[in-house]
C-alpha atoms as a PDB file:
ATOM      1  CA  MET A   1     -11.297 -41.997  -8.933  1.00  0.00           C
ATOM      2  CA  LYS A   2      -8.860 -42.100  -5.972  1.00  0.00           C
ATOM      3  CA  LYS A   3      -6.168 -41.183  -8.372  1.00  0.00           C
ATOM      4  CA  LEU A   4      -7.591 -38.081  -9.777  1.00  0.00           C
ATOM      5  CA  ALA A   5      -7.759 -36.910  -5.462  1.00  0.00           C
ATOM      6  CA  THR A   6      -4.162 -37.494  -5.364  1.00  0.00           C
ATOM      7  CA  ILE A   7      -3.462 -35.624  -8.207  1.00  0.00           C
ATOM      8  CA  GLY A   8      -5.979 -33.089  -7.239  1.00  0.00           C
ATOM      9  CA  PHE A   9      -4.687 -32.778  -3.929  1.00  0.00           C
ATOM     10  CA  LEU A  10      -0.702 -32.827  -5.215  1.00  0.00           C
ATOM     11  CA  ILE A  11      -1.811 -29.749  -7.568  1.00  0.00           C
ATOM     12  CA  TRP A  12      -3.559 -27.860  -4.148  1.00  0.00           C
ATOM     13  CA  SER A  13      -0.008 -28.891  -2.213  1.00  0.00           C
ATOM     14  CA  VAL A  14       2.085 -27.241  -5.239  1.00  0.00           C
ATOM     15  CA  SER A  15       0.104 -23.871  -5.424  1.00  0.00           C
ATOM     16  CA  ALA A  16      -0.201 -23.614  -1.628  1.00  0.00           C
ATOM     17  CA  VAL A  17       3.500 -23.699  -1.759  1.00  0.00           C
ATOM     18  CA  ALA A  18       3.942 -21.139  -4.309  1.00  0.00           C
ATOM     19  CA  LEU A  19       1.729 -18.870  -2.237  1.00  0.00           C
ATOM     20  CA  ALA A  20       3.598 -19.563   0.790  1.00  0.00           C
ATOM     21  CA  ASP A  21       7.000 -18.403  -1.118  1.00  0.00           C
ATOM     22  CA  ALA A  22       5.595 -15.777  -2.381  1.00  0.00           C
ATOM     23  CA  ARG A  23       4.293 -14.329   0.865  1.00  0.00           C
ATOM     24  CA  SER A  24       7.650 -14.661   2.194  1.00  0.00           C
ATOM     25  CA  ASP A  25       9.680 -13.524  -0.588  1.00  0.00           C
ATOM     26  CA  LEU A  26       8.187 -10.283  -0.568  1.00  0.00           C
ATOM     27  CA  GLN A  27       7.694 -10.215   3.727  1.00  0.00           C
ATOM     28  CA  GLN A  28      11.455 -10.471   3.138  1.00  0.00           C
ATOM     29  CA  LYS A  29      11.986  -7.994   1.312  1.00  0.00           C
ATOM     30  CA  LEU A  30       9.760  -5.408   2.702  1.00  0.00           C
ATOM     31  CA  ALA A  31      11.478  -6.398   6.216  1.00  0.00           C
ATOM     32  CA  SER A  32      15.431  -5.180   4.573  1.00  0.00           C
ATOM     33  CA  PHE A  33      14.252  -1.655   5.556  1.00  0.00           C
ATOM     34  CA  ASN A  34      13.126   0.232   8.360  1.00  0.00           C
ATOM     35  CA  GLN A  35      12.432   3.591   6.604  1.00  0.00           C
ATOM     36  CA  PHE A  36      12.206   4.943   3.442  1.00  0.00           C
ATOM     37  CA  SER A  37      11.737   8.014   1.011  1.00  0.00           C
ATOM     38  CA  ALA A  38      10.916   8.384  -2.320  1.00  0.00           C
ATOM     39  CA  ASP A  39       9.206  11.192  -5.126  1.00  0.00           C
ATOM     40  CA  PHE A  40       5.995   9.565  -7.003  1.00  0.00           C
ATOM     41  CA  SER A  41       4.721  10.445  -9.859  1.00  0.00           C
ATOM     42  CA  GLN A  42       0.603   8.717 -10.258  1.00  0.00           C
ATOM     43  CA  GLN A  43      -1.050   7.311 -13.829  1.00  0.00           C
ATOM     44  CA  VAL A  44      -4.564   7.315 -13.105  1.00  0.00           C
ATOM     45  CA  PHE A  45      -6.898   4.904 -15.599  1.00  0.00           C
ATOM     46  CA  ASP A  46     -10.571   4.026 -15.809  1.00  0.00           C
ATOM     47  CA  GLU A  47     -12.202   0.869 -16.153  1.00  0.00           C
ATOM     48  CA  GLN A  48     -11.791   0.524 -19.723  1.00  0.00           C
ATOM     49  CA  GLY A  49      -8.046   0.977 -19.192  1.00  0.00           C
ATOM     50  CA  LYS A  50      -8.023   4.466 -20.259  1.00  0.00           C
ATOM     51  CA  PRO A  51      -5.891   7.084 -18.734  1.00  0.00           C
ATOM     52  CA  MET A  52      -7.629   9.820 -16.433  1.00  0.00           C
ATOM     53  CA  GLN A  53      -4.701  12.085 -14.817  1.00  0.00           C
ATOM     54  CA  THR A  54      -1.290  11.853 -13.803  1.00  0.00           C
ATOM     55  CA  GLY A  55      -0.038  13.326  -9.830  1.00  0.00           C
ATOM     56  CA  LYS A  56       3.089  13.812  -8.300  1.00  0.00           C
ATOM     57  CA  GLY A  57       3.923  13.556  -4.416  1.00  0.00           C
ATOM     58  CA  THR A  58       6.284  12.526  -2.164  1.00  0.00           C
ATOM     59  CA  MET A  59       6.075   9.344   0.513  1.00  0.00           C
ATOM     60  CA  GLN A  60       8.084   8.738   3.766  1.00  0.00           C
ATOM     61  CA  LEU A  61       7.741   5.605   5.845  1.00  0.00           C
ATOM     62  CA  ALA A  62       9.345   4.374   8.885  1.00  0.00           C
ATOM     63  CA  ARG A  63       8.280   0.823  10.759  1.00  0.00           C
ATOM     64  CA  PRO A  64       6.287  -0.511  12.822  1.00  0.00           C
ATOM     65  CA  ASP A  65       3.412   1.769  11.111  1.00  0.00           C
ATOM     66  CA  GLN A  66       4.541   5.305  10.165  1.00  0.00           C
ATOM     67  CA  PHE A  67       3.689   6.475   6.847  1.00  0.00           C
ATOM     68  CA  ARG A  68       3.239   9.751   5.292  1.00  0.00           C
ATOM     69  CA  TRP A  69       1.640  10.424   1.574  1.00  0.00           C
ATOM     70  CA  HIS A  70       1.566  13.888   0.132  1.00  0.00           C
ATOM     71  CA  THR A  71      -0.246  14.346  -3.067  1.00  0.00           C
ATOM     72  CA  VAL A  72       0.983  17.718  -4.673  1.00  0.00           C
ATOM     73  CA  SER A  73      -1.000  17.179  -7.458  1.00  0.00           C
ATOM     74  CA  PRO A  74      -3.009  17.800  -9.799  1.00  0.00           C
ATOM     75  CA  ASP A  75      -4.540  18.230  -6.072  1.00  0.00           C
ATOM     76  CA  GLU A  76      -2.961  18.157  -2.955  1.00  0.00           C
ATOM     77  CA  SER A  77      -4.238  15.369   0.083  1.00  0.00           C
ATOM     78  CA  LEU A  78      -2.362  14.166   2.724  1.00  0.00           C
ATOM     79  CA  ILE A  79      -2.233  10.785   4.509  1.00  0.00           C
ATOM     80  CA  VAL A  80      -0.203  10.648   7.881  1.00  0.00           C
ATOM     81  CA  SER A  81      -0.197   7.877  10.426  1.00  0.00           C
ATOM     82  CA  ASN A  82       1.528   8.205  13.753  1.00  0.00           C
ATOM     83  CA  GLY A  83       1.431   4.319  14.394  1.00  0.00           C
ATOM     84  CA  LYS A  84      -1.613   4.024  15.986  1.00  0.00           C
ATOM     85  CA  SER A  85      -3.956   6.481  14.093  1.00  0.00           C
ATOM     86  CA  VAL A  86      -4.436   7.920  10.199  1.00  0.00           C
ATOM     87  CA  TRP A  87      -4.935  11.466   9.558  1.00  0.00           C
ATOM     88  CA  MET A  88      -6.103  12.052   5.790  1.00  0.00           C
ATOM     89  CA  TYR A  89      -6.384  15.443   5.082  1.00  0.00           C
ATOM     90  CA  ASP A  90      -8.147  17.377   1.428  1.00  0.00           C
ATOM     91  CA  PRO A  91      -7.461  20.850   1.583  1.00  0.00           C
ATOM     92  CA  PHE A  92      -9.756  21.741  -0.847  1.00  0.00           C
ATOM     93  CA  VAL A  93     -12.943  20.863   1.588  1.00  0.00           C
ATOM     94  CA  GLU A  94     -10.762  21.798   4.257  1.00  0.00           C
ATOM     95  CA  GLN A  95     -12.313  18.466   5.895  1.00  0.00           C
ATOM     96  CA  VAL A  96      -9.580  16.097   7.840  1.00  0.00           C
ATOM     97  CA  SER A  97     -10.845  12.755   8.741  1.00  0.00           C
ATOM     98  CA  ILE A  98      -9.244  10.427  11.475  1.00  0.00           C
ATOM     99  CA  ALA A  99      -9.587   6.398  11.668  1.00  0.00           C
ATOM    100  CA  PRO A 100      -8.028   3.850  13.683  1.00  0.00           C
ATOM    101  CA  LEU A 101      -4.833   2.316  11.818  1.00  0.00           C
ATOM    102  CA  GLU A 102      -6.535  -0.917  11.133  1.00  0.00           C
ATOM    103  CA  GLN A 103      -9.208   0.202  10.145  1.00  0.00           C
ATOM    104  CA  ALA A 104      -7.465   2.370   7.723  1.00  0.00           C
ATOM    105  CA  ILE A 105      -5.526  -0.581   5.970  1.00  0.00           C
ATOM    106  CA  GLN A 106      -8.727  -0.970   4.613  1.00  0.00           C
ATOM    107  CA  ASN A 107      -8.806   1.700   2.369  1.00  0.00           C
ATOM    108  CA  THR A 108      -4.951   2.659   2.411  1.00  0.00           C
ATOM    109  CA  PRO A 109      -3.551  -0.930   2.036  1.00  0.00           C
ATOM    110  CA  PHE A 110       0.017   0.351   1.399  1.00  0.00           C
ATOM    111  CA  LEU A 111       0.010   0.694   4.956  1.00  0.00           C
ATOM    112  CA  LEU A 112       0.973  -2.753   5.432  1.00  0.00           C
ATOM    113  CA  ILE A 113       4.116  -2.545   3.591  1.00  0.00           C
ATOM    114  CA  ALA A 114       5.470  -0.253   6.586  1.00  0.00           C
ATOM    115  CA  GLY A 115       3.942  -2.543   9.116  1.00  0.00           C
ATOM    116  CA  ARG A 116       5.550  -5.503  11.135  1.00  0.00           C
ATOM    117  CA  ASP A 117       2.363  -7.538  12.259  1.00  0.00           C
ATOM    118  CA  GLY A 118       2.538 -10.363   9.615  1.00  0.00           C
ATOM    119  CA  LYS A 119      -1.207 -11.597  10.911  1.00  0.00           C
ATOM    120  CA  ARG A 120      -2.106  -8.541   8.601  1.00  0.00           C
ATOM    121  CA  TRP A 121      -1.245 -10.858   5.861  1.00  0.00           C
ATOM    122  CA  GLN A 122      -3.555 -13.224   6.757  1.00  0.00           C
ATOM    123  CA  ASP A 123      -6.116 -11.428   4.944  1.00  0.00           C
ATOM    124  CA  TYR A 124      -4.017 -11.450   1.667  1.00  0.00           C
ATOM    125  CA  GLU A 125      -2.678 -13.815  -1.240  1.00  0.00           C
ATOM    126  CA  VAL A 126       0.608 -13.357  -2.290  1.00  0.00           C
ATOM    127  CA  THR A 127       1.634 -14.405  -5.627  1.00  0.00           C
ATOM    128  CA  ARG A 128       4.233 -13.851  -8.687  1.00  0.00           C
ATOM    129  CA  GLN A 129       3.702 -12.913 -11.985  1.00  0.00           C
ATOM    130  CA  GLY A 130       7.066 -11.909 -13.499  1.00  0.00           C
ATOM    131  CA  ALA A 131       8.693  -9.318 -11.320  1.00  0.00           C
ATOM    132  CA  ASP A 132       5.488  -8.381  -9.788  1.00  0.00           C
ATOM    133  CA  PHE A 133       4.430  -8.940  -6.320  1.00  0.00           C
ATOM    134  CA  ILE A 134       0.778  -9.358  -6.491  1.00  0.00           C
ATOM    135  CA  VAL A 135      -1.086  -8.527  -3.121  1.00  0.00           C
ATOM    136  CA  ALA A 136      -5.081  -9.555  -3.163  1.00  0.00           C
ATOM    137  CA  SER A 137      -7.313  -8.792  -0.776  1.00  0.00           C
ATOM    138  CA  LYS A 138      -9.698 -11.754   0.349  1.00  0.00           C
ATOM    139  CA  ASP A 139     -12.381  -9.519   1.241  1.00  0.00           C
ATOM    140  CA  PRO A 140     -14.789  -8.796  -1.453  1.00  0.00           C
ATOM    141  CA  SER A 141     -16.001  -5.434   0.549  1.00  0.00           C
ATOM    142  CA  GLU A 142     -12.186  -3.407   0.705  1.00  0.00           C
ATOM    143  CA  LEU A 143     -12.185  -0.624  -1.811  1.00  0.00           C
ATOM    144  CA  ILE A 144      -8.823  -1.674  -2.871  1.00  0.00           C
ATOM    145  CA  SER A 145      -9.030  -5.457  -4.522  1.00  0.00           C
ATOM    146  CA  GLN A 146      -5.703  -5.425  -5.468  1.00  0.00           C
ATOM    147  CA  PHE A 147      -2.322  -4.271  -5.157  1.00  0.00           C
ATOM    148  CA  SER A 148       1.418  -5.186  -7.154  1.00  0.00           C
ATOM    149  CA  LEU A 149       5.039  -4.227  -6.227  1.00  0.00           C
ATOM    150  CA  ARG A 150       7.732  -4.191  -8.283  1.00  0.00           C
ATOM    151  CA  PHE A 151      11.286  -3.940  -6.750  1.00  0.00           C
ATOM    152  CA  ASP A 152      14.799  -2.984  -8.043  1.00  0.00           C
ATOM    153  CA  ALA A 153      18.244  -4.957  -8.181  1.00  0.00           C
ATOM    154  CA  ARG A 154      18.564  -3.509  -4.492  1.00  0.00           C
ATOM    155  CA  ASN A 155      15.576  -4.527  -2.607  1.00  0.00           C
ATOM    156  CA  ARG A 156      14.023  -1.304  -3.046  1.00  0.00           C
ATOM    157  CA  ILE A 157      10.053  -0.527  -4.442  1.00  0.00           C
ATOM    158  CA  GLU A 158      10.710   1.566  -7.289  1.00  0.00           C
ATOM    159  CA  ARG A 159       6.883   0.924  -8.967  1.00  0.00           C
ATOM    160  CA  PHE A 160       3.898  -0.228  -7.667  1.00  0.00           C
ATOM    161  CA  SER A 161      -0.036  -0.183  -8.716  1.00  0.00           C
ATOM    162  CA  VAL A 162      -3.154  -0.198  -6.882  1.00  0.00           C
ATOM    163  CA  LEU A 163      -6.658  -1.758  -7.906  1.00  0.00           C
ATOM    164  CA  GLU A 164      -9.850  -0.514  -6.685  1.00  0.00           C
ATOM    165  CA  SER A 165     -12.675  -3.048  -6.894  1.00  0.00           C
ATOM    166  CA  GLY A 166     -14.857  -0.700  -9.208  1.00  0.00           C
ATOM    167  CA  GLY A 167     -11.540  -1.235 -11.890  1.00  0.00           C
ATOM    168  CA  GLN A 168      -9.834   2.158 -11.751  1.00  0.00           C
ATOM    169  CA  ARG A 169      -6.447   1.477 -11.293  1.00  0.00           C
ATOM    170  CA  SER A 170      -3.203   3.640 -10.570  1.00  0.00           C
ATOM    171  CA  ASP A 171       0.555   3.421 -11.242  1.00  0.00           C
ATOM    172  CA  PHE A 172       2.764   4.579  -9.470  1.00  0.00           C
ATOM    173  CA  THR A 173       6.246   4.762 -10.220  1.00  0.00           C
ATOM    174  CA  LEU A 174       9.445   5.945  -7.710  1.00  0.00           C
ATOM    175  CA  LYS A 175      12.554   8.418  -7.772  1.00  0.00           C
ATOM    176  CA  ASN A 176      15.154   9.351  -5.871  1.00  0.00           C
ATOM    177  CA  ILE A 177      14.849   6.484  -3.502  1.00  0.00           C
ATOM    178  CA  ASN A 178      16.405   6.507  -0.208  1.00  0.00           C
ATOM    179  CA  THR A 179      16.459   3.593   2.755  1.00  0.00           C
ATOM    180  CA  GLN A 180      17.706   6.071   5.490  1.00  0.00           C
ATOM    181  CA  PRO A 181      16.140   8.999   4.798  1.00  0.00           C
ATOM    182  CA  LYS A 182      16.736  11.933   7.259  1.00  0.00           C
ATOM    183  CA  VAL A 183      13.409  11.771   9.200  1.00  0.00           C
ATOM    184  CA  SER A 184      12.402  14.560  11.566  1.00  0.00           C
ATOM    185  CA  ASN A 185       9.964  13.990  14.566  1.00  0.00           C
ATOM    186  CA  THR A 186       7.120  15.715  12.992  1.00  0.00           C
ATOM    187  CA  SER A 187       6.964  13.906   9.434  1.00  0.00           C
ATOM    188  CA  PHE A 188       4.635  11.096  11.427  1.00  0.00           C
ATOM    189  CA  THR A 189       1.924  13.755  13.265  1.00  0.00           C
ATOM    190  CA  PHE A 190      -0.862  15.586  12.298  1.00  0.00           C
ATOM    191  CA  THR A 191      -2.245  18.839  13.487  1.00  0.00           C
ATOM    192  CA  PRO A 192      -5.266  20.106  11.720  1.00  0.00           C
ATOM    193  CA  PRO A 193      -5.257  23.735  10.762  1.00  0.00           C
ATOM    194  CA  LYS A 194      -7.572  26.388  12.221  1.00  0.00           C
ATOM    195  CA  GLY A 195     -10.693  26.641  10.941  1.00  0.00           C
ATOM    196  CA  VAL A 196     -10.706  22.444   9.244  1.00  0.00           C
ATOM    197  CA  MET A 197     -13.804  20.347   9.933  1.00  0.00           C
ATOM    198  CA  VAL A 198     -12.584  17.584  11.878  1.00  0.00           C
ATOM    199  CA  ASP A 199     -14.322  13.967  11.553  1.00  0.00           C
ATOM    200  CA  ASP A 200     -13.006  11.982  14.165  1.00  0.00           C
ATOM    201  CA  GLN A 201     -13.700   8.018  13.559  1.00  0.00           C
ATOM    202  CA  ARG A 202     -11.345   6.693  16.540  1.00  0.00           C
END
């Protein structure tokens, strides 16, 4: 029994080190750039893995915590973070929701990538599967249960996937990647258009 307990402890120790190394490797890769922009294409799959729809758009980020995600098709939407608040704008229904940054992370985990606060990562487990980093939430109530990241030879994000708790998955492929983009002063601010319904949750 004592020998089995010792073996179990060794297995746990190796597993803990592997998780720590994966987290450290991912954070080092993310820390290698302070700004990032790219065009993205999106493929959405249902719970059974069947393709549902495709989309495309653009993204920009700047540390710490500034982010702009603009989907242009099949339906337009916009998510903007100024580092304190996050605006989620749906032009079709003419509504914008505003949430504190920390609350919005639960629904937009990619904001983790734009941050510098290592404490946020304590709520996630990071593992490696081949070339991919898998980031899984420890909170079963989160809308996004897992997302994965893949980097190119220059440590730039080239692909990522988002898995929702209900089983739907979105795969994103990036192109026109730039880690030194020209960012305007208005890239990470948002003013709701006139007549738009505003749901301010701050």
